[in-house]
Amino acid sequence: DSVKGRFTISRDNAKNTVTLQMNSLKPEDTAVYYCN
């Protein structure tokens, strides 16, 4: 809920990649981000 409308996740199955587009970032978004 805290990131809805601001973050967008997508993937490319052919390349085995995933991305996270982060917009309108806030100080509370500060963190270490992990892919799984």
Full PDB file with SEQRES, HELIX, SHEET, SSBOND, CRYST1, ORIGX, SCALE, CONECT and MASTER records, all heavy atoms in Angstrom:
SEQRES   1 A   36  ASP SER VAL LYS GLY ARG PHE THR ILE SER ARG ASP ASN          
SEQRES   2 A   36  ALA LYS ASN THR VAL THR LEU GLN MET ASN SER LEU LYS          
SEQRES   3 A   36  PRO GLU ASP THR ALA VAL TYR TYR CYS ASN                      
HELIX    1 AA1 PRO A   27  ASP A   29  5                                   3    
SHEET    1 AA1 2 PHE A   7  ASP A  12  0                                        
SHEET    2 AA1 2 THR A  17  MET A  22 -1                                        
CRYST1    1.000    1.000    1.000  90.00  90.00  90.00 P 1           1          
ORIGX1      1.000000  0.000000  0.000000        0.00000                         
ORIGX2      0.000000  1.000000  0.000000        0.00000                         
ORIGX3      0.000000  0.000000  1.000000        0.00000                         
SCALE1      1.000000  0.000000  0.000000        0.00000                         
SCALE2      0.000000  1.000000  0.000000        0.00000                         
SCALE3      0.000000  0.000000  1.000000        0.00000                         
ATOM      1  N   ASP A   1       0.816  -1.214   0.000  1.00  0.00           N  
ATOM      2  CA  ASP A   1       0.000   0.000   0.000  1.00  0.00           C  
ATOM      3  C   ASP A   1       0.852   1.267   0.000  1.00  0.00           C  
ATOM      4  O   ASP A   1       0.474   2.280  -0.595  1.00  0.00           O  
ATOM      5  CB  ASP A   1      -0.934   0.015   1.212  1.00  0.00           C  
ATOM      6  CG  ASP A   1      -2.052  -1.000   1.109  1.00  0.00           C  
ATOM      7  OD1 ASP A   1      -2.344  -1.459  -0.019  1.00  0.00           O  
ATOM      8  OD2 ASP A   1      -2.644  -1.333   2.149  1.00  0.00           O  
ATOM      9  N   SER A   2       1.996   1.211   0.640  1.00  0.00           N  
ATOM     10  CA  SER A   2       2.842   2.381   0.780  1.00  0.00           C  
ATOM     11  C   SER A   2       3.462   2.851  -0.537  1.00  0.00           C  
ATOM     12  O   SER A   2       3.925   3.991  -0.628  1.00  0.00           O  
ATOM     13  CB  SER A   2       3.956   2.120   1.794  1.00  0.00           C  
ATOM     14  OG  SER A   2       4.759   1.026   1.394  1.00  0.00           O  
ATOM     15  N   VAL A   3       3.472   1.983  -1.557  1.00  0.00           N  
ATOM     16  CA  VAL A   3       4.113   2.345  -2.820  1.00  0.00           C  
ATOM     17  C   VAL A   3       3.164   2.337  -4.006  1.00  0.00           C  
ATOM     18  O   VAL A   3       3.577   2.675  -5.122  1.00  0.00           O  
ATOM     19  CB  VAL A   3       5.316   1.427  -3.128  1.00  0.00           C  
ATOM     20  CG1 VAL A   3       6.288   1.408  -1.960  1.00  0.00           C  
ATOM     21  CG2 VAL A   3       4.852   0.016  -3.463  1.00  0.00           C  
ATOM     22  N   LYS A   4       1.916   1.988  -3.788  1.00  0.00           N  
ATOM     23  CA  LYS A   4       0.951   1.946  -4.878  1.00  0.00           C  
ATOM     24  C   LYS A   4       0.819   3.308  -5.547  1.00  0.00           C  
ATOM     25  O   LYS A   4       0.720   4.329  -4.889  1.00  0.00           O  
ATOM     26  CB  LYS A   4      -0.416   1.486  -4.366  1.00  0.00           C  
ATOM     27  CG  LYS A   4      -0.502   0.013  -4.072  1.00  0.00           C  
ATOM     28  CD  LYS A   4      -1.903  -0.387  -3.618  1.00  0.00           C  
ATOM     29  CE  LYS A   4      -1.985  -1.878  -3.365  1.00  0.00           C  
ATOM     30  NZ  LYS A   4      -3.327  -2.277  -2.870  1.00  0.00           N  
ATOM     31  N   GLY A   5       0.832   3.290  -6.862  1.00  0.00           N  
ATOM     32  CA  GLY A   5       0.745   4.522  -7.624  1.00  0.00           C  
ATOM     33  C   GLY A   5       2.067   5.195  -7.865  1.00  0.00           C  
ATOM     34  O   GLY A   5       2.144   6.117  -8.683  1.00  0.00           O  
ATOM     35  N   ARG A   6       3.110   4.758  -7.168  1.00  0.00           N  
ATOM     36  CA  ARG A   6       4.433   5.363  -7.312  1.00  0.00           C  
ATOM     37  C   ARG A   6       5.456   4.409  -7.908  1.00  0.00           C  
ATOM     38  O   ARG A   6       6.338   4.834  -8.653  1.00  0.00           O  
ATOM     39  CB  ARG A   6       4.943   5.861  -5.960  1.00  0.00           C  
ATOM     40  CG  ARG A   6       4.046   6.911  -5.314  1.00  0.00           C  
ATOM     41  CD  ARG A   6       4.701   7.515  -4.072  1.00  0.00           C  
ATOM     42  NE  ARG A   6       4.936   6.521  -3.028  1.00  0.00           N  
ATOM     43  CZ  ARG A   6       6.144   6.221  -2.547  1.00  0.00           C  
ATOM     44  NH1 ARG A   6       7.223   6.840  -3.015  1.00  0.00           N  
ATOM     45  NH2 ARG A   6       6.266   5.312  -1.585  1.00  0.00           N  
ATOM     46  N   PHE A   7       5.352   3.128  -7.573  1.00  0.00           N  
ATOM     47  CA  PHE A   7       6.301   2.118  -8.046  1.00  0.00           C  
ATOM     48  C   PHE A   7       5.646   1.233  -9.093  1.00  0.00           C  
ATOM     49  O   PHE A   7       4.446   0.951  -9.029  1.00  0.00           O  
ATOM     50  CB  PHE A   7       6.779   1.234  -6.895  1.00  0.00           C  
ATOM     51  CG  PHE A   7       7.673   1.918  -5.891  1.00  0.00           C  
ATOM     52  CD1 PHE A   7       7.848   3.292  -5.884  1.00  0.00           C  
ATOM     53  CD2 PHE A   7       8.345   1.158  -4.947  1.00  0.00           C  
ATOM     54  CE1 PHE A   7       8.672   3.909  -4.955  1.00  0.00           C  
ATOM     55  CE2 PHE A   7       9.172   1.759  -4.015  1.00  0.00           C  
ATOM     56  CZ  PHE A   7       9.331   3.127  -4.015  1.00  0.00           C  
ATOM     57  N   THR A   8       6.444   0.759 -10.040  1.00  0.00           N  
ATOM     58  CA  THR A   8       5.975  -0.164 -11.055  1.00  0.00           C  
ATOM     59  C   THR A   8       6.982  -1.290 -11.235  1.00  0.00           C  
ATOM     60  O   THR A   8       8.165  -1.035 -11.471  1.00  0.00           O  
ATOM     61  CB  THR A   8       5.766   0.533 -12.410  1.00  0.00           C  
ATOM     62  OG1 THR A   8       4.830   1.609 -12.268  1.00  0.00           O  
ATOM     63  CG2 THR A   8       5.216  -0.458 -13.436  1.00  0.00           C  
ATOM     64  N   ILE A   9       6.516  -2.520 -11.116  1.00  0.00           N  
ATOM     65  CA  ILE A   9       7.374  -3.675 -11.317  1.00  0.00           C  
ATOM     66  C   ILE A   9       7.104  -4.273 -12.690  1.00  0.00           C  
ATOM     67  O   ILE A   9       5.967  -4.297 -13.153  1.00  0.00           O  
ATOM     68  CB  ILE A   9       7.166  -4.731 -10.205  1.00  0.00           C  
ATOM     69  CG1 ILE A   9       8.205  -5.849 -10.311  1.00  0.00           C  
ATOM     70  CG2 ILE A   9       5.746  -5.292 -10.239  1.00  0.00           C  
ATOM     71  CD1 ILE A   9       8.186  -6.805  -9.118  1.00  0.00           C  
ATOM     72  N   SER A  10       8.146  -4.739 -13.344  1.00  0.00           N  
ATOM     73  CA  SER A  10       8.009  -5.373 -14.645  1.00  0.00           C  
ATOM     74  C   SER A  10       9.076  -6.450 -14.790  1.00  0.00           C  
ATOM     75  O   SER A  10      10.026  -6.506 -14.008  1.00  0.00           O  
ATOM     76  CB  SER A  10       8.119  -4.343 -15.777  1.00  0.00           C  
ATOM     77  OG  SER A  10       9.378  -3.702 -15.763  1.00  0.00           O  
ATOM     78  N   ARG A  11       8.923  -7.305 -15.796  1.00  0.00           N  
ATOM     79  CA  ARG A  11       9.898  -8.368 -16.000  1.00  0.00           C  
ATOM     80  C   ARG A  11      10.052  -8.683 -17.472  1.00  0.00           C  
ATOM     81  O   ARG A  11       9.171  -8.399 -18.289  1.00  0.00           O  
ATOM     82  CB  ARG A  11       9.490  -9.633 -15.233  1.00  0.00           C  
ATOM     83  CG  ARG A  11       8.186 -10.258 -15.714  1.00  0.00           C  
ATOM     84  CD  ARG A  11       7.736 -11.382 -14.783  1.00  0.00           C  
ATOM     85  NE  ARG A  11       8.566 -12.569 -14.915  1.00  0.00           N  
ATOM     86  CZ  ARG A  11       8.513 -13.614 -14.082  1.00  0.00           C  
ATOM     87  NH1 ARG A  11       7.677 -13.593 -13.042  1.00  0.00           N  
ATOM     88  NH2 ARG A  11       9.294 -14.656 -14.289  1.00  0.00           N  
ATOM     89  N   ASP A  12      11.177  -9.276 -17.796  1.00  0.00           N  
ATOM     90  CA  ASP A  12      11.467  -9.757 -19.136  1.00  0.00           C  
ATOM     91  C   ASP A  12      11.807 -11.232 -18.992  1.00  0.00           C  
ATOM     92  O   ASP A  12      12.905 -11.580 -18.565  1.00  0.00           O  
ATOM     93  CB  ASP A  12      12.619  -8.976 -19.759  1.00  0.00           C  
ATOM     94  CG  ASP A  12      12.855  -9.346 -21.213  1.00  0.00           C  
ATOM     95  OD1 ASP A  12      12.559 -10.477 -21.610  1.00  0.00           O  
ATOM     96  OD2 ASP A  12      13.350  -8.481 -21.964  1.00  0.00           O  
ATOM     97  N   ASN A  13      10.871 -12.086 -19.328  1.00  0.00           N  
ATOM     98  CA  ASN A  13      11.067 -13.517 -19.139  1.00  0.00           C  
ATOM     99  C   ASN A  13      12.184 -14.079 -20.018  1.00  0.00           C  
ATOM    100  O   ASN A  13      12.854 -15.039 -19.641  1.00  0.00           O  
ATOM    101  CB  ASN A  13       9.766 -14.265 -19.416  1.00  0.00           C  
ATOM    102  CG  ASN A  13       8.699 -13.989 -18.382  1.00  0.00           C  
ATOM    103  OD1 ASN A  13       9.006 -13.673 -17.228  1.00  0.00           O  
ATOM    104  ND2 ASN A  13       7.436 -14.106 -18.769  1.00  0.00           N  
ATOM    105  N   ALA A  14      12.373 -13.506 -21.194  1.00  0.00           N  
ATOM    106  CA  ALA A  14      13.414 -13.984 -22.092  1.00  0.00           C  
ATOM    107  C   ALA A  14      14.809 -13.704 -21.541  1.00  0.00           C  
ATOM    108  O   ALA A  14      15.744 -14.460 -21.794  1.00  0.00           O  
ATOM    109  CB  ALA A  14      13.265 -13.346 -23.470  1.00  0.00           C  
ATOM    110  N   LYS A  15      14.944 -12.619 -20.779  1.00  0.00           N  
ATOM    111  CA  LYS A  15      16.237 -12.233 -20.227  1.00  0.00           C  
ATOM    112  C   LYS A  15      16.385 -12.560 -18.753  1.00  0.00           C  
ATOM    113  O   LYS A  15      17.439 -12.304 -18.171  1.00  0.00           O  
ATOM    114  CB  LYS A  15      16.474 -10.739 -20.440  1.00  0.00           C  
ATOM    115  CG  LYS A  15      16.566 -10.331 -21.898  1.00  0.00           C  
ATOM    116  CD  LYS A  15      16.847  -8.842 -22.031  1.00  0.00           C  
ATOM    117  CE  LYS A  15      16.996  -8.435 -23.483  1.00  0.00           C  
ATOM    118  NZ  LYS A  15      17.287  -6.989 -23.627  1.00  0.00           N  
ATOM    119  N   ASN A  16      15.342 -13.098 -18.135  1.00  0.00           N  
ATOM    120  CA  ASN A  16      15.354 -13.412 -16.704  1.00  0.00           C  
ATOM    121  C   ASN A  16      15.693 -12.189 -15.859  1.00  0.00           C  
ATOM    122  O   ASN A  16      16.531 -12.245 -14.959  1.00  0.00           O  
ATOM    123  CB  ASN A  16      16.337 -14.550 -16.405  1.00  0.00           C  
ATOM    124  CG  ASN A  16      15.880 -15.873 -16.976  1.00  0.00           C  
ATOM    125  OD1 ASN A  16      14.682 -16.144 -17.066  1.00  0.00           O  
ATOM    126  ND2 ASN A  16      16.836 -16.709 -17.361  1.00  0.00           N  
ATOM    127  N   THR A  17      15.042 -11.092 -16.166  1.00  0.00           N  
ATOM    128  CA  THR A  17      15.264  -9.864 -15.423  1.00  0.00           C  
ATOM    129  C   THR A  17      13.958  -9.319 -14.866  1.00  0.00           C  
ATOM    130  O   THR A  17      12.880  -9.581 -15.400  1.00  0.00           O  
ATOM    131  CB  THR A  17      15.914  -8.779 -16.294  1.00  0.00           C  
ATOM    132  OG1 THR A  17      15.064  -8.488 -17.417  1.00  0.00           O  
ATOM    133  CG2 THR A  17      17.278  -9.229 -16.796  1.00  0.00           C  
ATOM    134  N   VAL A  18      14.076  -8.545 -13.804  1.00  0.00           N  
ATOM    135  CA  VAL A  18      12.944  -7.852 -13.212  1.00  0.00           C  
ATOM    136  C   VAL A  18      13.403  -6.451 -12.845  1.00  0.00           C  
ATOM    137  O   VAL A  18      14.548  -6.256 -12.427  1.00  0.00           O  
ATOM    138  CB  VAL A  18      12.400  -8.606 -11.980  1.00  0.00           C  
ATOM    139  CG1 VAL A  18      13.450  -8.705 -10.875  1.00  0.00           C  
ATOM    140  CG2 VAL A  18      11.130  -7.948 -11.460  1.00  0.00           C  
ATOM    141  N   THR A  19      12.536  -5.481 -13.033  1.00  0.00           N  
ATOM    142  CA  THR A  19      12.875  -4.099 -12.737  1.00  0.00           C  
ATOM    143  C   THR A  19      11.842  -3.488 -11.815  1.00  0.00           C  
ATOM    144  O   THR A  19      10.708  -3.950 -11.725  1.00  0.00           O  
ATOM    145  CB  THR A  19      12.967  -3.250 -14.015  1.00  0.00           C  
ATOM    146  OG1 THR A  19      11.679  -3.181 -14.645  1.00  0.00           O  
ATOM    147  CG2 THR A  19      13.963  -3.844 -14.997  1.00  0.00           C  
ATOM    148  N   LEU A  20      12.258  -2.443 -11.122  1.00  0.00           N  
ATOM    149  CA  LEU A  20      11.363  -1.682 -10.261  1.00  0.00           C  
ATOM    150  C   LEU A  20      11.568  -0.207 -10.560  1.00  0.00           C  
ATOM    151  O   LEU A  20      12.619   0.354 -10.232  1.00  0.00           O  
ATOM    152  CB  LEU A  20      11.643  -1.968  -8.788  1.00  0.00           C  
ATOM    153  CG  LEU A  20      10.690  -1.302  -7.793  1.00  0.00           C  
ATOM    154  CD1 LEU A  20       9.295  -1.916  -7.905  1.00  0.00           C  
ATOM    155  CD2 LEU A  20      11.206  -1.439  -6.368  1.00  0.00           C  
ATOM    156  N   GLN A  21      10.586   0.399 -11.199  1.00  0.00           N  
ATOM    157  CA  GLN A  21      10.608   1.827 -11.463  1.00  0.00           C  
ATOM    158  C   GLN A  21      10.003   2.541 -10.265  1.00  0.00           C  
ATOM    159  O   GLN A  21       8.846   2.306  -9.918  1.00  0.00           O  
ATOM    160  CB  GLN A  21       9.824   2.158 -12.729  1.00  0.00           C  
ATOM    161  CG  GLN A  21       9.756   3.643 -13.061  1.00  0.00           C  
ATOM    162  CD  GLN A  21      11.099   4.228 -13.406  1.00  0.00           C  
ATOM    163  OE1 GLN A  21      11.857   3.642 -14.186  1.00  0.00           O  
ATOM    164  NE2 GLN A  21      11.414   5.380 -12.821  1.00  0.00           N  
ATOM    165  N   MET A  22      10.775   3.418  -9.644  1.00  0.00           N  
ATOM    166  CA  MET A  22      10.348   4.108  -8.442  1.00  0.00           C  
ATOM    167  C   MET A  22      10.243   5.603  -8.730  1.00  0.00           C  
ATOM    168  O   MET A  22      11.246   6.252  -9.033  1.00  0.00           O  
ATOM    169  CB  MET A  22      11.320   3.859  -7.290  1.00  0.00           C  
ATOM    170  CG  MET A  22      11.553   2.378  -7.000  1.00  0.00           C  
ATOM    171  SD  MET A  22      12.582   2.110  -5.532  1.00  0.00           S  
ATOM    172  CE  MET A  22      14.130   2.818  -6.100  1.00  0.00           C  
ATOM    173  N   ASN A  23       9.040   6.136  -8.635  1.00  0.00           N  
ATOM    174  CA  ASN A  23       8.789   7.548  -8.864  1.00  0.00           C  
ATOM    175  C   ASN A  23       8.283   8.207  -7.590  1.00  0.00           C  
ATOM    176  O   ASN A  23       7.841   7.540  -6.659  1.00  0.00           O  
ATOM    177  CB  ASN A  23       7.766   7.738  -9.985  1.00  0.00           C  
ATOM    178  CG  ASN A  23       8.222   7.181 -11.311  1.00  0.00           C  
ATOM    179  OD1 ASN A  23       9.400   7.224 -11.647  1.00  0.00           O  
ATOM    180  ND2 ASN A  23       7.269   6.662 -12.090  1.00  0.00           N  
ATOM    181  N   SER A  24       8.328   9.528  -7.568  1.00  0.00           N  
ATOM    182  CA  SER A  24       7.840  10.303  -6.424  1.00  0.00           C  
ATOM    183  C   SER A  24       8.395   9.762  -5.115  1.00  0.00           C  
ATOM    184  O   SER A  24       7.663   9.544  -4.142  1.00  0.00           O  
ATOM    185  CB  SER A  24       6.305  10.295  -6.403  1.00  0.00           C  
ATOM    186  OG  SER A  24       5.771  10.827  -7.592  1.00  0.00           O  
ATOM    187  N   LEU A  25       9.683   9.563  -5.079  1.00  0.00           N  
ATOM    188  CA  LEU A  25      10.316   8.950  -3.914  1.00  0.00           C  
ATOM    189  C   LEU A  25      10.224   9.830  -2.680  1.00  0.00           C  
ATOM    190  O   LEU A  25      10.289  11.060  -2.756  1.00  0.00           O  
ATOM    191  CB  LEU A  25      11.774   8.633  -4.226  1.00  0.00           C  
ATOM    192  CG  LEU A  25      11.965   7.397  -5.115  1.00  0.00           C  
ATOM    193  CD1 LEU A  25      13.356   7.386  -5.725  1.00  0.00           C  
ATOM    194  CD2 LEU A  25      11.728   6.126  -4.303  1.00  0.00           C  
ATOM    195  N   LYS A  26      10.070   9.172  -1.544  1.00  0.00           N  
ATOM    196  CA  LYS A  26       9.955   9.825  -0.253  1.00  0.00           C  
ATOM    197  C   LYS A  26      11.092   9.387   0.651  1.00  0.00           C  
ATOM    198  O   LYS A  26      11.663   8.311   0.459  1.00  0.00           O  
ATOM    199  CB  LYS A  26       8.617   9.458   0.402  1.00  0.00           C  
ATOM    200  CG  LYS A  26       7.392   9.766  -0.436  1.00  0.00           C  
ATOM    201  CD  LYS A  26       6.131   9.254   0.247  1.00  0.00           C  
ATOM    202  CE  LYS A  26       4.902   9.545  -0.582  1.00  0.00           C  
ATOM    203  NZ  LYS A  26       3.665   9.030   0.084  1.00  0.00           N  
ATOM    204  N   PRO A  27      11.428  10.188   1.654  1.00  0.00           N  
ATOM    205  CA  PRO A  27      12.492   9.784   2.584  1.00  0.00           C  
ATOM    206  C   PRO A  27      12.229   8.414   3.217  1.00  0.00           C  
ATOM    207  O   PRO A  27      13.185   7.672   3.470  1.00  0.00           O  
ATOM    208  CB  PRO A  27      12.478  10.895   3.634  1.00  0.00           C  
ATOM    209  CG  PRO A  27      12.016  12.092   2.884  1.00  0.00           C  
ATOM    210  CD  PRO A  27      10.978  11.568   1.922  1.00  0.00           C  
ATOM    211  N   GLU A  28      10.975   8.084   3.466  1.00  0.00           N  
ATOM    212  CA  GLU A  28      10.656   6.799   4.064  1.00  0.00           C  
ATOM    213  C   GLU A  28      10.879   5.619   3.125  1.00  0.00           C  
ATOM    214  O   GLU A  28      10.765   4.466   3.541  1.00  0.00           O  
ATOM    215  CB  GLU A  28       9.213   6.777   4.592  1.00  0.00           C  
ATOM    216  CG  GLU A  28       8.187   7.262   3.592  1.00  0.00           C  
ATOM    217  CD  GLU A  28       7.817   8.719   3.790  1.00  0.00           C  
ATOM    218  OE1 GLU A  28       8.737   9.542   3.983  1.00  0.00           O  
ATOM    219  OE2 GLU A  28       6.608   9.041   3.765  1.00  0.00           O  
ATOM    220  N   ASP A  29      11.191   5.889   1.862  1.00  0.00           N  
ATOM    221  CA  ASP A  29      11.552   4.826   0.932  1.00  0.00           C  
ATOM    222  C   ASP A  29      13.010   4.404   1.087  1.00  0.00           C  
ATOM    223  O   ASP A  29      13.441   3.429   0.463  1.00  0.00           O  
ATOM    224  CB  ASP A  29      11.310   5.259  -0.513  1.00  0.00           C  
ATOM    225  CG  ASP A  29       9.842   5.477  -0.825  1.00  0.00           C  
ATOM    226  OD1 ASP A  29       9.006   4.668  -0.375  1.00  0.00           O  
ATOM    227  OD2 ASP A  29       9.532   6.452  -1.532  1.00  0.00           O  
ATOM    228  N   THR A  30      13.767   5.133   1.875  1.00  0.00           N  
ATOM    229  CA  THR A  30      15.167   4.808   2.105  1.00  0.00           C  
ATOM    230  C   THR A  30      15.295   3.418   2.720  1.00  0.00           C  
ATOM    231  O   THR A  30      14.703   3.125   3.755  1.00  0.00           O  
ATOM    232  CB  THR A  30      15.817   5.842   3.024  1.00  0.00           C  
ATOM    233  OG1 THR A  30      15.806   7.122   2.385  1.00  0.00           O  
ATOM    234  CG2 THR A  30      17.258   5.457   3.341  1.00  0.00           C  
ATOM    235  N   ALA A  31      16.065   2.566   2.064  1.00  0.00           N  
ATOM    236  CA  ALA A  31      16.228   1.187   2.515  1.00  0.00           C  
ATOM    237  C   ALA A  31      17.197   0.470   1.588  1.00  0.00           C  
ATOM    238  O   ALA A  31      17.580   0.991   0.543  1.00  0.00           O  
ATOM    239  CB  ALA A  31      14.878   0.457   2.519  1.00  0.00           C  
ATOM    240  N   VAL A  32      17.575  -0.729   1.988  1.00  0.00           N  
ATOM    241  CA  VAL A  32      18.263  -1.636   1.085  1.00  0.00           C  
ATOM    242  C   VAL A  32      17.196  -2.445   0.373  1.00  0.00           C  
ATOM    243  O   VAL A  32      16.328  -3.042   1.018  1.00  0.00           O  
ATOM    244  CB  VAL A  32      19.236  -2.566   1.830  1.00  0.00           C  
ATOM    245  CG1 VAL A  32      19.866  -3.563   0.855  1.00  0.00           C  
ATOM    246  CG2 VAL A  32      20.317  -1.751   2.518  1.00  0.00           C  
ATOM    247  N   TYR A  33      17.251  -2.461  -0.936  1.00  0.00           N  
ATOM    248  CA  TYR A  33      16.257  -3.151  -1.739  1.00  0.00           C  
ATOM    249  C   TYR A  33      16.822  -4.465  -2.251  1.00  0.00           C  
ATOM    250  O   TYR A  33      17.934  -4.522  -2.776  1.00  0.00           O  
ATOM    251  CB  TYR A  33      15.813  -2.277  -2.910  1.00  0.00           C  
ATOM    252  CG  TYR A  33      14.877  -1.169  -2.496  1.00  0.00           C  
ATOM    253  CD1 TYR A  33      15.337  -0.082  -1.760  1.00  0.00           C  
ATOM    254  CD2 TYR A  33      13.522  -1.217  -2.830  1.00  0.00           C  
ATOM    255  CE1 TYR A  33      14.480   0.926  -1.355  1.00  0.00           C  
ATOM    256  CE2 TYR A  33      12.661  -0.212  -2.433  1.00  0.00           C  
ATOM    257  CZ  TYR A  33      13.138   0.856  -1.701  1.00  0.00           C  
ATOM    258  OH  TYR A  33      12.283   1.863  -1.302  1.00  0.00           O  
ATOM    259  N   TYR A  34      16.039  -5.522  -2.095  1.00  0.00           N  
ATOM    260  CA  TYR A  34      16.462  -6.866  -2.462  1.00  0.00           C  
ATOM    261  C   TYR A  34      15.564  -7.442  -3.547  1.00  0.00           C  
ATOM    262  O   TYR A  34      14.336  -7.335  -3.469  1.00  0.00           O  
ATOM    263  CB  TYR A  34      16.415  -7.803  -1.261  1.00  0.00           C  
ATOM    264  CG  TYR A  34      17.329  -7.421  -0.129  1.00  0.00           C  
ATOM    265  CD1 TYR A  34      16.893  -6.580   0.885  1.00  0.00           C  
ATOM    266  CD2 TYR A  34      18.628  -7.912  -0.067  1.00  0.00           C  
ATOM    267  CE1 TYR A  34      17.721  -6.225   1.929  1.00  0.00           C  
ATOM    268  CE2 TYR A  34      19.462  -7.564   0.974  1.00  0.00           C  
ATOM    269  CZ  TYR A  34      19.003  -6.721   1.972  1.00  0.00           C  
ATOM    270  OH  TYR A  34      19.840  -6.385   3.012  1.00  0.00           O  
ATOM    271  N   CYS A  35      16.182  -8.059  -4.516  1.00  0.00           N  
ATOM    272  CA  CYS A  35      15.467  -8.781  -5.559  1.00  0.00           C  
ATOM    273  C   CYS A  35      15.306 -10.238  -5.141  1.00  0.00           C  
ATOM    274  O   CYS A  35      16.203 -10.814  -4.515  1.00  0.00           O  
ATOM    275  CB  CYS A  35      16.253  -8.687  -6.872  1.00  0.00           C  
ATOM    276  SG  CYS A  35      15.659  -9.749  -8.209  1.00  0.00           S  
ATOM    277  N   ASN A  36      14.183 -10.834  -5.462  1.00  0.00           N  
ATOM    278  CA  ASN A  36      14.009 -12.258  -5.208  1.00  0.00           C  
ATOM    279  C   ASN A  36      13.300 -12.926  -6.372  1.00  0.00           C  
ATOM    280  O   ASN A  36      12.568 -12.286  -7.121  1.00  0.00           O  
ATOM    281  CB  ASN A  36      13.254 -12.505  -3.890  1.00  0.00           C  
ATOM    282  CG  ASN A  36      11.806 -12.065  -3.947  1.00  0.00           C  
ATOM    283  OD1 ASN A  36      11.500 -10.890  -3.761  1.00  0.00           O  
ATOM    284  ND2 ASN A  36      10.901 -13.016  -4.191  1.00  0.00           N  
TER     285      ASN A  36                                                      
MASTER        0    0    0    1    2    0    0    6  284    1    0    3          
END                                                                             
